[in-house]
N, C-alpha and C. Protein backbone atom coordinates (compact mmCIF):
# COMPACT_ATOMS: atom_id res chain seq x y z
N MET A 1 61.50 56.79 -94.12
CA MET A 1 60.36 57.02 -94.47
C MET A 1 60.00 57.42 -92.64
N ASN A 2 59.79 58.64 -92.99
CA ASN A 2 58.70 59.19 -91.38
C ASN A 2 57.17 58.47 -91.60
N ARG A 3 56.27 58.49 -90.93
CA ARG A 3 55.18 58.36 -91.02
C ARG A 3 54.37 59.63 -91.62
N THR A 4 54.62 60.65 -91.32
CA THR A 4 54.04 61.70 -91.73
C THR A 4 54.41 61.54 -94.05
N THR A 5 55.50 61.28 -94.33
CA THR A 5 55.85 60.98 -95.75
C THR A 5 55.00 59.70 -95.94
N ARG A 6 55.07 58.59 -95.20
CA ARG A 6 54.08 58.12 -95.68
C ARG A 6 52.17 58.03 -96.22
N TYR A 7 52.35 59.17 -95.12
CA TYR A 7 50.60 58.92 -95.01
C TYR A 7 50.67 60.11 -96.42
N LYS A 8 50.93 60.92 -96.50
CA LYS A 8 51.15 61.81 -98.23
C LYS A 8 51.35 60.71 -98.68
N VAL A 9 52.47 60.07 -98.97
CA VAL A 9 52.24 58.90 -99.83
C VAL A 9 50.65 57.86 -100.21
N ALA A 10 50.39 57.70 -99.05
CA ALA A 10 49.29 56.74 -99.18
C ALA A 10 47.76 58.21 -99.44
N TYR A 11 47.66 59.34 -99.03
CA TYR A 11 46.66 60.40 -99.65
C TYR A 11 46.81 60.06 -100.52
N VAL A 12 48.16 60.24 -101.97
CA VAL A 12 48.10 60.50 -103.10
C VAL A 12 47.83 59.29 -103.63
N VAL A 13 48.46 57.80 -103.38
CA VAL A 13 47.74 57.09 -103.69
C VAL A 13 45.95 56.66 -103.90
N ALA A 14 45.30 56.67 -102.76
CA ALA A 14 44.10 56.52 -102.08
C ALA A 14 43.17 57.64 -103.24
N LEU A 15 44.18 58.78 -103.48
CA LEU A 15 43.28 59.75 -103.39
C LEU A 15 43.25 58.88 -106.22
N ALA A 16 44.33 58.47 -105.99
CA ALA A 16 44.07 58.07 -107.42
C ALA A 16 43.49 56.69 -107.21
N PHE A 17 43.32 56.20 -106.30
CA PHE A 17 42.27 54.78 -106.39
C PHE A 17 41.36 56.00 -106.55
N VAL A 18 40.29 56.36 -105.93
CA VAL A 18 39.05 56.51 -105.65
C VAL A 18 38.74 57.58 -107.17
N GLY A 19 39.80 58.10 -107.71
CA GLY A 19 39.59 58.73 -108.72
C GLY A 19 38.82 57.65 -109.87
N ALA A 20 40.24 57.23 -109.68
CA ALA A 20 39.81 55.97 -110.70
C ALA A 20 38.42 54.93 -110.99
N LEU A 21 38.05 54.87 -109.26
CA LEU A 21 36.49 54.31 -108.86
C LEU A 21 35.46 54.91 -110.08
N ALA A 22 35.76 56.41 -109.52
CA ALA A 22 34.92 57.71 -109.51
C ALA A 22 34.94 57.68 -111.01
N TYR A 23 35.55 57.36 -112.03
CA TYR A 23 35.93 57.21 -113.58
C TYR A 23 34.96 55.75 -114.29
N VAL A 24 35.38 54.65 -113.40
CA VAL A 24 34.73 53.72 -113.56
C VAL A 24 32.92 53.58 -114.17
N ALA A 25 32.95 53.63 -112.34
CA ALA A 25 31.51 54.06 -112.31
C ALA A 25 30.95 54.80 -113.37
N ILE A 26 30.86 55.56 -113.65
CA ILE A 26 30.64 57.13 -114.57
C ILE A 26 30.85 56.34 -115.46
N GLU A 27 31.97 55.69 -116.06
CA GLU A 27 31.81 54.94 -118.07
C GLU A 27 30.68 54.15 -117.79
N ARG A 28 30.93 53.30 -116.59
CA ARG A 28 29.82 52.05 -116.85
C ARG A 28 28.61 52.00 -117.02
N SER A 29 28.53 53.05 -116.24
CA SER A 29 26.69 53.71 -116.12
C SER A 29 26.24 54.18 -117.09
N GLY A 30 26.65 54.47 -118.24
CA GLY A 30 26.81 55.62 -119.53
C GLY A 30 26.52 56.89 -119.50
N ASN A 31 28.04 57.54 -118.47
CA ASN A 31 27.60 58.88 -118.43
C ASN A 31 26.67 59.30 -117.65
N GLY A 32 25.63 58.96 -117.27
CA GLY A 32 24.66 59.45 -117.31
C GLY A 32 24.98 60.80 -115.48
N ILE A 33 23.99 61.37 -115.76
CA ILE A 33 24.78 62.37 -114.89
C ILE A 33 23.97 61.93 -113.42
N GLY A 34 23.12 61.03 -113.00
CA GLY A 34 22.36 60.53 -112.54
C GLY A 34 23.96 59.39 -111.57
N SER A 35 25.12 59.06 -112.12
CA SER A 35 25.69 58.96 -111.74
C SER A 35 27.21 59.34 -111.27
N VAL A 36 26.68 60.48 -112.27
CA VAL A 36 27.80 61.81 -111.72
C VAL A 36 27.47 62.42 -110.18
N VAL A 37 26.33 62.61 -109.86
CA VAL A 37 25.54 62.96 -108.77
C VAL A 37 25.83 61.93 -107.75
N LEU A 38 25.82 60.83 -107.94
CA LEU A 38 26.05 59.12 -107.13
C LEU A 38 27.22 59.84 -106.15
N VAL A 39 28.12 59.36 -107.53
CA VAL A 39 30.00 60.63 -107.18
C VAL A 39 30.11 60.67 -105.80
N VAL A 40 29.73 62.20 -106.70
CA VAL A 40 29.89 63.35 -105.80
C VAL A 40 29.32 63.50 -104.76
N ALA A 41 28.13 62.93 -104.31
CA ALA A 41 27.54 62.61 -103.54
C ALA A 41 28.42 61.83 -102.20
N ALA A 42 28.85 60.54 -102.37
CA ALA A 42 29.76 59.25 -102.15
C ALA A 42 31.37 60.34 -101.75
N LEU A 43 31.60 60.83 -102.45
CA LEU A 43 32.88 62.01 -101.95
C LEU A 43 32.53 62.72 -100.53
N LEU A 44 31.25 63.27 -101.12
CA LEU A 44 30.89 64.51 -99.84
C LEU A 44 30.12 64.56 -98.37
N VAL A 45 29.62 62.84 -98.49
CA VAL A 45 29.68 62.57 -97.11
C VAL A 45 30.61 62.05 -95.98
N PRO A 46 31.07 61.86 -96.14
CA PRO A 46 32.03 61.74 -95.29
C PRO A 46 32.48 63.26 -93.93
N GLY A 47 32.70 64.02 -94.92
CA GLY A 47 33.08 65.38 -94.36
C GLY A 47 32.74 66.05 -94.28
N ARG A 48 30.78 65.81 -93.99
CA ARG A 48 29.89 66.16 -93.46
C ARG A 48 29.71 65.28 -92.68
N ILE A 49 29.57 63.69 -92.28
CA ILE A 49 29.44 63.14 -90.96
C ILE A 49 30.95 64.03 -90.05
N GLN A 50 32.10 63.75 -89.61
CA GLN A 50 33.05 64.15 -89.21
C GLN A 50 32.54 65.53 -89.04
N GLY A 51 32.13 66.57 -90.23
CA GLY A 51 31.78 67.84 -90.10
C GLY A 51 30.96 67.51 -88.81
N ALA A 52 29.78 67.06 -88.63
CA ALA A 52 29.18 66.65 -87.75
C ALA A 52 29.52 66.37 -85.93
N TYR A 53 30.16 66.24 -86.14
CA TYR A 53 31.11 65.69 -85.00
C TYR A 53 31.66 65.91 -84.41
N TYR A 54 32.80 66.92 -85.32
CA TYR A 54 33.87 67.41 -84.96
C TYR A 54 33.60 68.09 -85.28
N ARG A 55 32.21 69.34 -85.65
CA ARG A 55 32.42 70.90 -85.41
C ARG A 55 32.80 71.97 -84.02
N GLU A 56 33.00 71.21 -82.45
CA GLU A 56 33.22 72.65 -81.91
C GLU A 56 34.79 72.23 -81.66
N MET A 57 35.74 71.72 -82.50
CA MET A 57 37.41 71.23 -82.90
C MET A 57 37.48 72.11 -84.20
N PHE A 58 36.14 72.20 -84.69
CA PHE A 58 36.54 73.39 -86.03
C PHE A 58 36.34 74.64 -85.63
N ASN A 59 34.90 74.82 -85.20
CA ASN A 59 34.77 75.92 -84.98
C ASN A 59 35.99 76.45 -83.71
N GLY A 60 36.63 75.83 -82.74
CA GLY A 60 38.25 76.08 -82.64
C GLY A 60 39.55 76.48 -83.17
N ARG A 61 39.01 75.25 -84.11
CA ARG A 61 40.26 75.96 -84.93
C ARG A 61 40.03 76.71 -85.63
N ARG A 62 38.85 77.36 -85.99
CA ARG A 62 38.42 78.81 -87.09
C ARG A 62 38.72 80.06 -85.99
N LEU A 63 38.94 80.31 -84.45
CA LEU A 63 38.92 80.96 -83.57
C LEU A 63 39.91 80.57 -83.67
N LEU A 64 41.19 80.33 -83.34
CA LEU A 64 42.52 80.04 -83.32
C LEU A 64 42.79 81.09 -84.60
N ASP A 65 42.54 81.10 -86.05
CA ASP A 65 42.86 81.46 -87.17
C ASP A 65 42.55 82.66 -87.06
N LEU A 66 41.13 83.25 -86.23
CA LEU A 66 40.57 84.47 -86.96
C LEU A 66 41.83 85.05 -85.58
N GLY A 67 42.55 84.40 -84.51
CA GLY A 67 42.93 85.10 -83.06
C GLY A 67 41.90 85.56 -81.68
N ASN A 68 41.07 84.60 -81.26
CA ASN A 68 40.60 84.46 -80.29
C ASN A 68 40.83 83.67 -80.07
N ALA A 69 41.74 83.82 -79.29
CA ALA A 69 42.86 82.17 -79.27
C ALA A 69 41.72 81.14 -77.87
N SER A 70 41.09 82.34 -76.46
CA SER A 70 40.41 81.92 -74.94
C SER A 70 39.36 81.58 -75.55
N ALA A 71 38.38 82.38 -77.02
CA ALA A 71 37.06 81.33 -77.56
C ALA A 71 37.04 80.30 -78.11
N ALA A 72 38.86 80.21 -78.56
CA ALA A 72 38.71 78.96 -79.80
C ALA A 72 39.28 78.00 -78.36
N GLN A 73 40.31 78.10 -76.92
CA GLN A 73 40.17 77.20 -76.25
C GLN A 73 39.12 76.46 -75.97
N GLU A 74 38.05 77.15 -75.41
CA GLU A 74 37.07 76.97 -74.78
C GLU A 74 36.62 75.16 -75.79
N ARG A 75 36.30 76.06 -77.19
CA ARG A 75 35.78 75.50 -78.19
C ARG A 75 36.76 73.24 -78.04
N PHE A 76 37.81 74.01 -77.94
CA PHE A 76 38.81 72.52 -77.90
C PHE A 76 38.46 71.69 -76.58
N LYS A 77 38.63 72.57 -75.77
CA LYS A 77 37.37 71.29 -74.05
C LYS A 77 36.71 70.91 -74.04
N LEU A 78 35.24 71.89 -74.99
CA LEU A 78 33.82 71.18 -75.17
C LEU A 78 34.44 69.76 -76.31
N PHE A 79 35.68 70.11 -77.29
CA PHE A 79 35.59 68.67 -78.32
C PHE A 79 35.89 67.01 -77.26
N LEU A 80 36.83 67.61 -76.23
CA LEU A 80 37.70 66.88 -75.28
C LEU A 80 36.47 66.17 -75.06
N GLY A 81 35.67 66.49 -74.41
CA GLY A 81 34.30 66.13 -73.52
C GLY A 81 33.47 65.41 -74.22
N GLN A 82 33.87 65.73 -75.31
CA GLN A 82 32.64 65.13 -76.51
C GLN A 82 32.98 63.66 -76.97
N LEU A 83 34.53 64.29 -77.13
CA LEU A 83 35.64 62.37 -76.78
C LEU A 83 35.84 61.64 -75.37
N ALA A 84 35.54 62.62 -74.59
CA ALA A 84 35.20 61.36 -73.13
C ALA A 84 33.50 60.65 -73.32
N ARG A 85 33.01 61.45 -73.72
CA ARG A 85 31.51 60.63 -73.64
C ARG A 85 31.61 60.48 -74.55
N ARG A 86 32.22 60.37 -75.95
CA ARG A 86 31.84 59.30 -77.24
C ARG A 86 32.82 59.11 -77.87
N PRO A 87 33.80 57.98 -77.03
CA PRO A 87 35.50 57.39 -77.33
C PRO A 87 35.61 57.24 -79.10
N TRP A 88 33.88 56.41 -79.25
CA TRP A 88 33.46 55.76 -80.24
C TRP A 88 34.48 57.46 -82.09
N ILE A 89 33.56 58.56 -81.30
CA ILE A 89 33.38 59.80 -82.42
C ILE A 89 35.11 59.75 -82.41
N LYS A 90 36.36 58.96 -81.51
CA LYS A 90 37.52 59.35 -82.70
C LYS A 90 38.04 59.00 -83.28
N ARG A 91 37.27 57.68 -84.21
CA ARG A 91 37.67 56.82 -85.64
C ARG A 91 36.92 57.55 -86.69
N LEU A 92 36.63 58.89 -86.83
CA LEU A 92 35.87 59.53 -87.88
C LEU A 92 37.21 60.71 -88.44
N LEU A 93 38.08 60.36 -87.07
CA LEU A 93 39.26 61.51 -88.21
C LEU A 93 39.95 60.46 -89.78
N TRP A 94 39.42 59.23 -89.66
CA TRP A 94 39.75 58.96 -90.74
C TRP A 94 38.83 59.13 -92.04
N LEU A 95 37.62 60.12 -91.51
CA LEU A 95 36.62 60.11 -93.05
C LEU A 95 37.44 61.57 -93.91
N SER A 96 38.43 61.68 -93.11
CA SER A 96 39.39 63.29 -94.03
C SER A 96 40.74 62.31 -93.59
N TRP A 97 42.00 63.58 -94.57
CA TRP A 97 42.67 62.75 -93.92
C TRP A 97 44.07 64.20 -92.97
N SER A 98 44.77 62.75 -92.45
CA SER A 98 45.02 63.74 -91.44
C SER A 98 47.12 63.39 -91.58
N PHE A 99 47.84 63.98 -91.79
CA PHE A 99 49.06 64.03 -92.19
C PHE A 99 50.17 63.26 -91.06
N TYR A 100 49.35 64.44 -90.10
CA TYR A 100 49.67 64.31 -89.06
C TYR A 100 50.11 64.06 -87.67
N THR A 101 49.01 63.11 -87.73
CA THR A 101 48.60 61.94 -86.87
C THR A 101 47.40 61.90 -86.56
N PRO A 102 47.53 60.50 -86.03
CA PRO A 102 45.91 59.67 -86.38
C PRO A 102 45.38 59.53 -84.96
N SER A 103 45.40 60.52 -84.21
CA SER A 103 44.61 60.64 -82.84
C SER A 103 44.37 62.76 -82.85
N VAL A 104 42.95 62.63 -83.18
CA VAL A 104 42.68 63.71 -82.38
C VAL A 104 42.28 64.60 -81.64
N GLU A 105 42.65 63.34 -80.66
CA GLU A 105 43.18 63.96 -79.48
C GLU A 105 44.29 64.08 -79.08
N ALA A 106 45.34 63.94 -79.85
CA ALA A 106 46.32 65.23 -79.67
C ALA A 106 46.09 65.96 -80.68
N MET A 107 45.34 66.23 -81.30
CA MET A 107 45.61 67.54 -82.74
C MET A 107 44.23 68.87 -81.91
N THR A 108 43.45 67.92 -80.84
CA THR A 108 43.14 69.31 -80.21
C THR A 108 44.52 69.62 -79.12
N TRP A 109 44.98 68.82 -78.37
CA TRP A 109 45.61 68.62 -77.22
C TRP A 109 46.99 69.74 -77.94
N ASN A 110 46.96 69.76 -78.91
CA ASN A 110 48.18 70.38 -79.66
C ASN A 110 47.98 71.54 -80.04
N ASN A 111 46.14 71.61 -80.43
CA ASN A 111 45.72 73.06 -80.76
C ASN A 111 46.06 74.28 -79.50
N ILE A 112 45.33 73.05 -78.15
CA ILE A 112 44.91 73.92 -77.26
C ILE A 112 46.43 74.54 -76.74
N ALA A 113 47.65 73.93 -76.66
CA ALA A 113 48.74 74.11 -76.70
C ALA A 113 48.70 75.54 -78.00
N CYS A 114 48.42 75.27 -78.61
CA CYS A 114 48.50 77.01 -79.21
C CYS A 114 47.86 77.87 -78.59
N CYS A 115 46.10 77.90 -78.45
CA CYS A 115 45.93 78.88 -77.54
C CYS A 115 46.95 79.50 -76.51
N GLU A 116 46.87 78.69 -75.65
CA GLU A 116 48.11 78.40 -74.54
C GLU A 116 49.35 79.37 -75.14
N LEU A 117 49.61 79.31 -76.29
CA LEU A 117 50.74 79.76 -76.28
C LEU A 117 50.36 81.70 -76.83
N GLU A 118 49.71 81.77 -78.02
CA GLU A 118 48.75 82.91 -78.06
C GLU A 118 48.53 83.52 -76.82
N GLN A 119 48.35 83.00 -75.29
CA GLN A 119 47.56 84.04 -74.21
C GLN A 119 49.38 84.28 -73.51
N GLY A 120 49.84 83.49 -73.65
CA GLY A 120 51.54 83.97 -72.98
C GLY A 120 51.61 83.13 -71.97
N ARG A 121 50.65 81.85 -71.74
CA ARG A 121 50.99 81.52 -70.62
C ARG A 121 51.74 79.61 -70.66
N MET A 122 53.23 79.88 -70.94
CA MET A 122 53.59 79.13 -71.56
C MET A 122 53.65 77.95 -70.13
N THR A 123 53.87 77.43 -68.78
CA THR A 123 53.67 76.41 -68.42
C THR A 123 52.47 76.18 -68.99
N GLU A 124 51.20 76.55 -69.25
CA GLU A 124 49.97 75.36 -69.26
C GLU A 124 50.35 74.70 -70.46
N ALA A 125 51.07 75.77 -71.59
CA ALA A 125 51.80 75.26 -73.42
C ALA A 125 52.37 74.55 -73.11
N LYS A 126 53.07 74.34 -71.71
CA LYS A 126 54.01 72.92 -71.87
C LYS A 126 53.43 71.94 -71.83
N GLU A 127 52.38 72.05 -70.84
CA GLU A 127 51.55 70.89 -70.63
C GLU A 127 50.88 70.70 -71.08
N ALA A 128 50.67 71.09 -72.13
CA ALA A 128 49.68 70.96 -73.60
C ALA A 128 50.04 69.91 -74.39
N ILE A 129 51.73 71.04 -74.66
CA ILE A 129 52.39 69.83 -75.58
C ILE A 129 52.64 68.64 -75.22
N ASP A 130 52.78 68.45 -73.43
CA ASP A 130 53.35 66.85 -73.61
C ASP A 130 52.12 66.10 -73.30
N THR A 131 51.32 66.91 -72.66
CA THR A 131 49.32 66.02 -73.37
C THR A 131 49.83 65.50 -74.97
N ALA A 132 49.82 65.67 -75.49
CA ALA A 132 49.93 65.47 -76.83
C ALA A 132 50.65 64.44 -77.41
N LEU A 133 51.86 64.44 -76.72
CA LEU A 133 53.29 63.93 -77.25
C LEU A 133 53.00 62.99 -76.89
N ALA A 134 52.42 62.66 -75.08
CA ALA A 134 52.10 61.02 -75.05
C ALA A 134 51.58 60.97 -75.32
N LEU A 135 50.14 61.28 -75.55
CA LEU A 135 49.20 61.30 -76.74
C LEU A 135 49.77 60.12 -78.38
N ASP A 136 50.41 60.66 -78.93
CA ASP A 136 51.21 60.26 -79.61
C ASP A 136 53.00 61.09 -80.09
N PRO A 137 53.77 59.79 -79.90
CA PRO A 137 55.57 61.11 -79.84
C PRO A 137 55.80 60.66 -80.79
N LEU A 138 55.29 60.73 -82.49
CA LEU A 138 55.55 61.02 -83.61
C LEU A 138 54.73 61.52 -84.01
N TYR A 139 53.95 62.41 -83.48
CA TYR A 139 53.08 64.41 -84.16
C TYR A 139 54.21 65.46 -84.20
N PRO A 140 54.86 65.24 -85.43
CA PRO A 140 55.37 66.49 -85.03
C PRO A 140 55.31 67.95 -84.60
N LEU A 141 53.57 68.45 -85.43
CA LEU A 141 53.53 69.79 -84.91
C LEU A 141 53.47 70.06 -83.33
N PRO A 142 53.21 69.11 -82.08
CA PRO A 142 53.47 69.74 -81.56
C PRO A 142 55.38 69.74 -80.49
N TYR A 143 56.51 69.36 -81.48
CA TYR A 143 57.65 69.46 -81.20
C TYR A 143 57.76 70.59 -82.55
N PHE A 144 57.06 71.47 -83.13
CA PHE A 144 57.51 72.87 -83.43
C PHE A 144 56.77 73.80 -82.77
N ASN A 145 55.89 73.80 -81.62
CA ASN A 145 55.65 74.68 -81.17
C ASN A 145 56.36 74.55 -79.87
N LEU A 146 56.58 73.18 -80.02
CA LEU A 146 57.83 73.16 -78.40
C LEU A 146 58.74 73.94 -78.89
N ALA A 147 59.71 74.49 -79.86
CA ALA A 147 60.60 74.81 -79.97
C ALA A 147 60.25 76.20 -80.21
N VAL A 148 59.03 76.86 -80.44
CA VAL A 148 57.98 78.13 -79.87
C VAL A 148 58.43 78.87 -78.53
N LEU A 149 57.86 77.57 -77.97
CA LEU A 149 58.12 78.22 -76.35
C LEU A 149 59.50 77.98 -75.86
N TYR A 150 60.51 77.21 -76.20
CA TYR A 150 61.38 77.51 -76.00
C TYR A 150 62.33 78.89 -76.57
N GLU A 151 62.05 79.04 -77.62
CA GLU A 151 62.66 80.78 -78.53
C GLU A 151 61.83 81.59 -77.29
N LEU A 152 60.86 81.24 -76.89
CA LEU A 152 60.23 82.37 -75.95
C LEU A 152 60.87 82.48 -74.65
N GLY A 153 61.39 81.23 -74.72
CA GLY A 153 61.82 81.54 -73.34
C GLY A 153 63.42 82.38 -73.20
N ALA A 154 64.22 82.11 -74.46
CA ALA A 154 65.21 82.24 -75.09
C ALA A 154 66.18 81.36 -74.68
N ASN A 155 65.51 80.45 -75.56
CA ASN A 155 66.76 78.74 -75.22
C ASN A 155 66.17 78.04 -76.80
N ARG A 156 67.22 78.78 -77.14
CA ARG A 156 68.31 78.95 -79.00
C ARG A 156 68.02 77.09 -79.48
N SER A 157 69.46 76.60 -78.36
CA SER A 157 69.84 75.22 -77.87
C SER A 157 68.61 74.13 -78.54
N ASP A 158 67.88 74.54 -77.05
CA ASP A 158 66.39 73.28 -77.50
C ASP A 158 65.30 74.28 -78.22
N ALA A 159 65.68 74.97 -78.49
CA ALA A 159 63.87 75.80 -80.10
C ALA A 159 64.47 74.99 -80.57
N GLU A 160 65.78 75.04 -81.15
CA GLU A 160 66.85 74.25 -82.67
C GLU A 160 66.64 72.06 -82.37
N ARG A 161 66.70 71.88 -80.87
CA ARG A 161 66.32 70.40 -81.45
C ARG A 161 64.95 69.93 -81.57
N ALA A 162 64.53 71.18 -80.82
CA ALA A 162 62.81 70.68 -80.88
C ALA A 162 62.25 70.74 -82.65
N LEU A 163 62.55 71.73 -82.98
CA LEU A 163 62.16 72.18 -84.98
C LEU A 163 63.27 71.15 -85.49
N GLU A 164 64.48 70.15 -85.14
CA GLU A 164 65.40 69.26 -85.61
C GLU A 164 64.09 68.01 -85.85
N LYS A 165 63.42 67.99 -84.44
CA LYS A 165 62.77 66.20 -84.52
C LYS A 165 61.45 66.54 -85.21
N ALA A 166 60.66 67.94 -85.39
CA ALA A 166 59.67 67.85 -85.81
C ALA A 166 60.24 67.86 -87.12
N ASN A 167 60.79 67.96 -87.98
CA ASN A 167 61.29 67.74 -88.99
C ASN A 167 60.94 66.78 -89.42
N ALA A 168 62.11 66.06 -89.21
CA ALA A 168 62.93 64.95 -88.65
C ALA A 168 61.36 63.82 -88.67
N LEU A 169 60.38 64.46 -88.13
CA LEU A 169 58.77 63.53 -88.71
C LEU A 169 57.66 63.66 -89.80
N GLY A 170 58.79 64.69 -90.34
CA GLY A 170 57.96 64.94 -91.87
C GLY A 170 57.29 66.68 -91.64
N TYR A 171 57.46 67.20 -90.06
CA TYR A 171 56.88 68.66 -90.25
C TYR A 171 57.74 69.36 -91.70
N SER A 172 57.21 70.20 -93.10
CA SER A 172 57.78 70.99 -93.44
C SER A 172 57.47 72.35 -93.56
N GLY A 173 57.62 72.64 -92.47
CA GLY A 173 57.02 74.39 -92.84
C GLY A 173 57.86 74.71 -91.98
N GLY A 174 59.02 73.83 -91.48
CA GLY A 174 59.85 73.90 -89.55
C GLY A 174 61.28 74.46 -89.97
N THR A 175 61.27 75.17 -90.38
CA THR A 175 62.98 76.50 -90.07
C THR A 175 62.66 77.81 -89.07
N MET A 176 64.25 77.80 -88.70
CA MET A 176 64.22 78.35 -87.24
C MET A 176 64.21 79.37 -87.48
N ASP A 177 63.53 80.92 -88.55
CA ASP A 177 63.02 82.03 -89.08
C ASP A 177 61.66 81.85 -88.79
N ALA A 178 61.39 80.46 -89.09
CA ALA A 178 59.38 80.22 -88.88
C ALA A 178 58.94 80.46 -87.12
N VAL A 179 59.66 79.82 -86.39
CA VAL A 179 59.90 79.30 -85.10
C VAL A 179 60.01 80.79 -84.22
N VAL A 180 61.10 81.71 -85.04
CA VAL A 180 60.61 83.25 -84.39
C VAL A 180 60.10 83.72 -84.98
N ARG A 181 59.80 83.85 -86.62
CA ARG A 181 58.29 84.44 -86.77
C ARG A 181 57.02 84.49 -85.51
N LYS A 182 57.12 83.17 -86.12
CA LYS A 182 56.17 82.75 -83.86
C LYS A 182 55.87 83.63 -83.32
N GLY A 183 57.33 83.47 -82.68
CA GLY A 183 57.90 83.58 -81.40
C GLY A 183 57.19 85.54 -81.29
N GLN A 184 57.98 86.07 -82.32
CA GLN A 184 57.82 87.21 -81.94
C GLN A 184 56.74 88.01 -82.31
N SER A 185 55.99 87.05 -83.33
CA SER A 185 54.29 87.01 -83.03
C SER A 185 52.78 87.07 -81.94
N ILE A 186 53.98 86.57 -80.75
CA ILE A 186 53.34 86.24 -80.05
C ILE A 186 53.31 86.54 -79.32
N LEU A 187 54.62 86.90 -79.18
CA LEU A 187 55.04 87.68 -78.35
C LEU A 187 54.11 89.12 -78.01
N ALA A 188 54.18 89.95 -79.19
CA ALA A 188 53.96 91.23 -79.45
C ALA A 188 51.75 91.45 -78.79
N GLY A 189 51.74 89.90 -79.47
CA GLY A 189 49.66 90.08 -78.72
C GLY A 189 49.93 90.07 -77.59
N VAL A 190 50.92 89.45 -76.61
CA VAL A 190 50.89 89.05 -75.44
C VAL A 190 50.86 90.50 -74.41
N GLU A 191 52.71 91.03 -75.14
CA GLU A 191 52.87 92.34 -74.94
C GLU A 191 51.62 93.68 -75.54
N SER A 192 50.96 93.54 -76.35
CA SER A 192 49.71 94.40 -76.73
C SER A 192 48.73 94.09 -75.99
N ARG A 193 48.04 93.13 -75.45
CA ARG A 193 47.05 92.80 -74.13
C ARG A 193 47.55 93.40 -73.04
N GLY A 194 49.12 93.81 -72.42
CA GLY A 194 48.90 93.61 -71.26
C GLY A 194 49.84 93.05 -70.23
N VAL A 195 49.40 91.08 -71.01
CA VAL A 195 49.92 90.43 -70.20
C VAL A 195 51.27 89.47 -70.27
N ARG A 196 51.95 89.60 -68.95
CA ARG A 196 53.22 89.06 -68.98
C ARG A 196 53.09 87.73 -69.71
N ALA A 197 54.18 86.76 -70.41
CA ALA A 197 54.30 85.79 -70.33
C ALA A 197 54.84 84.65 -69.35
N SER A 198 53.96 84.44 -68.79
CA SER A 198 54.45 83.15 -67.78
C SER A 198 55.17 81.75 -67.68
């Protein structure tokens, strides 16, 4: 069983445990509205704490999803600066669940790799992927991005090997069709802006 599968199983077990605790707490307090509010608050507070400290990363992810890779990359780099100044906030990743990596730093470098890919900067994308994998070699998402990078470089055999590695590490969204579609989307975006992939 790979790490990603173990994390997913642990997540389901944790949810069941928290649900049982919430049920017991509400039942023992006589089903009062106050105890329901207290349980809901206890479940929401950890995410709000993480949101406050990880705001730049979350903003970067939102901008990347909206197609603004350049602005997203700035946010991710600001977040890396925050991690360097306050390394203790890395531990806040555990306030919400991460299936693929226990390293928020590796996650951020993988997001930077996505930004570089979207902007057609293949050399920089490879460097960011390598950094993410140096921080967490069991993180499957950088291997998927590596497959996309290889596909963009017309290196199908390396793309297939990288995708196999991503899948072996627990990435469930990885098919060669997905790699090709992502590569085509990146290429279309780069070409439409008149930028050549480097």
